[in-house]
Structure formats: structure tokens, C-alpha cells
Protein backbone atom coordinates (compact mmCIF):
# COMPACT_ATOMS: atom_id res chain seq x y z
CA UNK A 1 129.41 120.40 128.54
CA UNK A 2 127.73 117.84 130.73
CA UNK A 3 128.60 114.20 131.13
CA UNK A 4 126.32 111.62 129.56
CA UNK A 5 125.69 107.95 130.21
CA UNK A 6 128.94 106.03 129.58
CA UNK A 7 130.71 109.31 128.67
CA UNK A 8 132.40 111.47 131.29
CA UNK A 9 133.87 114.91 130.70
CA UNK A 10 137.28 115.57 132.28
CA UNK A 11 138.25 119.22 132.56
CA UNK A 12 141.00 120.17 134.97
CA UNK A 13 142.69 123.54 135.18
CA UNK A 14 146.05 122.13 136.29
CA UNK A 15 146.11 118.76 134.53
CA UNK A 16 147.43 117.83 131.12
CA UNK A 17 144.25 115.96 130.06
CA UNK A 18 141.03 117.56 128.96
CA UNK A 19 138.51 115.53 127.03
CA UNK A 20 135.98 112.71 127.21
CA UNK A 21 136.28 109.23 128.69
CA UNK A 22 134.17 106.39 127.32
CA UNK A 23 133.62 103.67 129.90
CA UNK A 24 131.17 100.84 129.39
CA UNK A 25 130.82 97.60 131.33
CA UNK A 26 128.88 94.64 130.00
CA UNK A 27 128.89 91.04 131.15
CA UNK A 28 132.00 91.37 133.28
CA UNK A 29 134.06 93.24 130.66
CA UNK A 30 134.97 96.90 131.07
CA UNK A 31 136.04 98.95 128.06
CA UNK A 32 137.69 102.36 128.53
CA UNK A 33 138.92 104.83 125.92
CA UNK A 34 139.95 108.47 126.29
CA UNK A 35 139.17 111.09 123.65
CA UNK A 36 141.41 114.12 124.29
CA UNK A 37 140.46 117.58 123.03
CA UNK A 38 144.00 118.14 121.72
CA UNK A 39 143.80 115.18 119.36
CA UNK A 40 140.33 115.98 118.00
CA UNK A 41 140.60 119.78 117.97
CA UNK A 42 137.87 120.76 120.45
CA UNK A 43 135.56 119.46 123.13
CA UNK A 44 132.65 119.14 120.71
CA UNK A 45 134.69 117.20 118.14
CA UNK A 46 136.04 114.82 120.79
CA UNK A 47 132.48 114.31 122.06
CA UNK A 48 131.29 113.43 118.56
CA UNK A 49 134.14 110.90 118.20
CA UNK A 50 133.32 109.41 121.61
CA UNK A 51 129.61 109.13 120.77
CA UNK A 52 130.36 107.40 117.46
CA UNK A 53 132.68 104.93 119.19
CA UNK A 54 130.06 104.29 121.87
CA UNK A 55 127.42 103.55 119.25
CA UNK A 56 129.73 101.07 117.49
CA UNK A 57 130.62 99.39 120.79
CA UNK A 58 126.95 99.06 121.72
CA UNK A 59 126.10 97.39 118.41
CA UNK A 60 128.93 94.89 118.91
CA UNK A 61 127.93 94.21 122.53
CA UNK A 62 124.22 93.85 121.78
CA UNK A 63 124.84 91.13 119.21
CA UNK A 64 127.67 89.40 121.13
CA UNK A 65 127.47 85.87 122.50
CA UNK A 66 127.79 85.17 126.21
CA UNK A 67 129.97 82.36 127.52
CA UNK A 68 129.07 81.36 131.07
CA UNK A 69 127.45 84.74 131.62
CA UNK A 70 130.46 86.71 130.38
CA UNK A 71 131.25 88.34 127.08
CA UNK A 72 132.85 85.96 124.59
CA UNK A 73 136.58 86.47 123.97
CA UNK A 74 135.90 87.15 120.28
CA UNK A 75 133.49 89.99 121.08
CA UNK A 76 135.91 91.47 123.62
CA UNK A 77 138.68 91.42 120.99
CA UNK A 78 136.40 93.07 118.42
CA UNK A 79 135.60 95.87 120.83
CA UNK A 80 139.24 96.36 121.81
CA UNK A 81 140.30 96.41 118.16
CA UNK A 82 137.62 98.95 117.29
CA UNK A 83 138.68 101.20 120.16
CA UNK A 84 142.35 101.01 119.19
CA UNK A 85 141.51 102.26 115.67
CA UNK A 86 139.73 105.37 116.92
């Protein structure tokens, strides 16, 4: 599987982690979440979960207010809360 924009595939032969990493930066705020294959059952299932989370994050970020050019604290908390549920 190939990496996509904002989603990176991590596959190591000798490491404990295999899965997808969601990383998106908007207005000075970086959001990162890992989607391990072990938790979701396979690489395809973890990719689907990562893509769904990315879509939700993008909808929150697109409608978020900016305060002095940065993401508002409320929007950042919404994104962090959404990622912690996944």
C-alpha cells in the first residue's frame, strides 16, 4: 500500500508498529494520530479508519475560526477530542 496525502504507511520488519499515521498541519496546529494494524485487524481496515478520521478532521478545520492567523483553541480541542475517540 502506498502513502497518501496526510497519511503515511509505516511497515518495518523489526519494529513493533505497523500501520498508518495521520498527520495534518493547519494554521500552526499539527495533529497526529496512529492507526495500528493490530488494533483494526489489517492494513486495509486501519487505512479506512484513518481516511474517515482525516475526512472528519478536514471538515472541522475547514469551518474553524482563525485567531491571529492560528487555529482557535476551541477548534483544536474539537479535533483532539475527535482523534482521541477513534
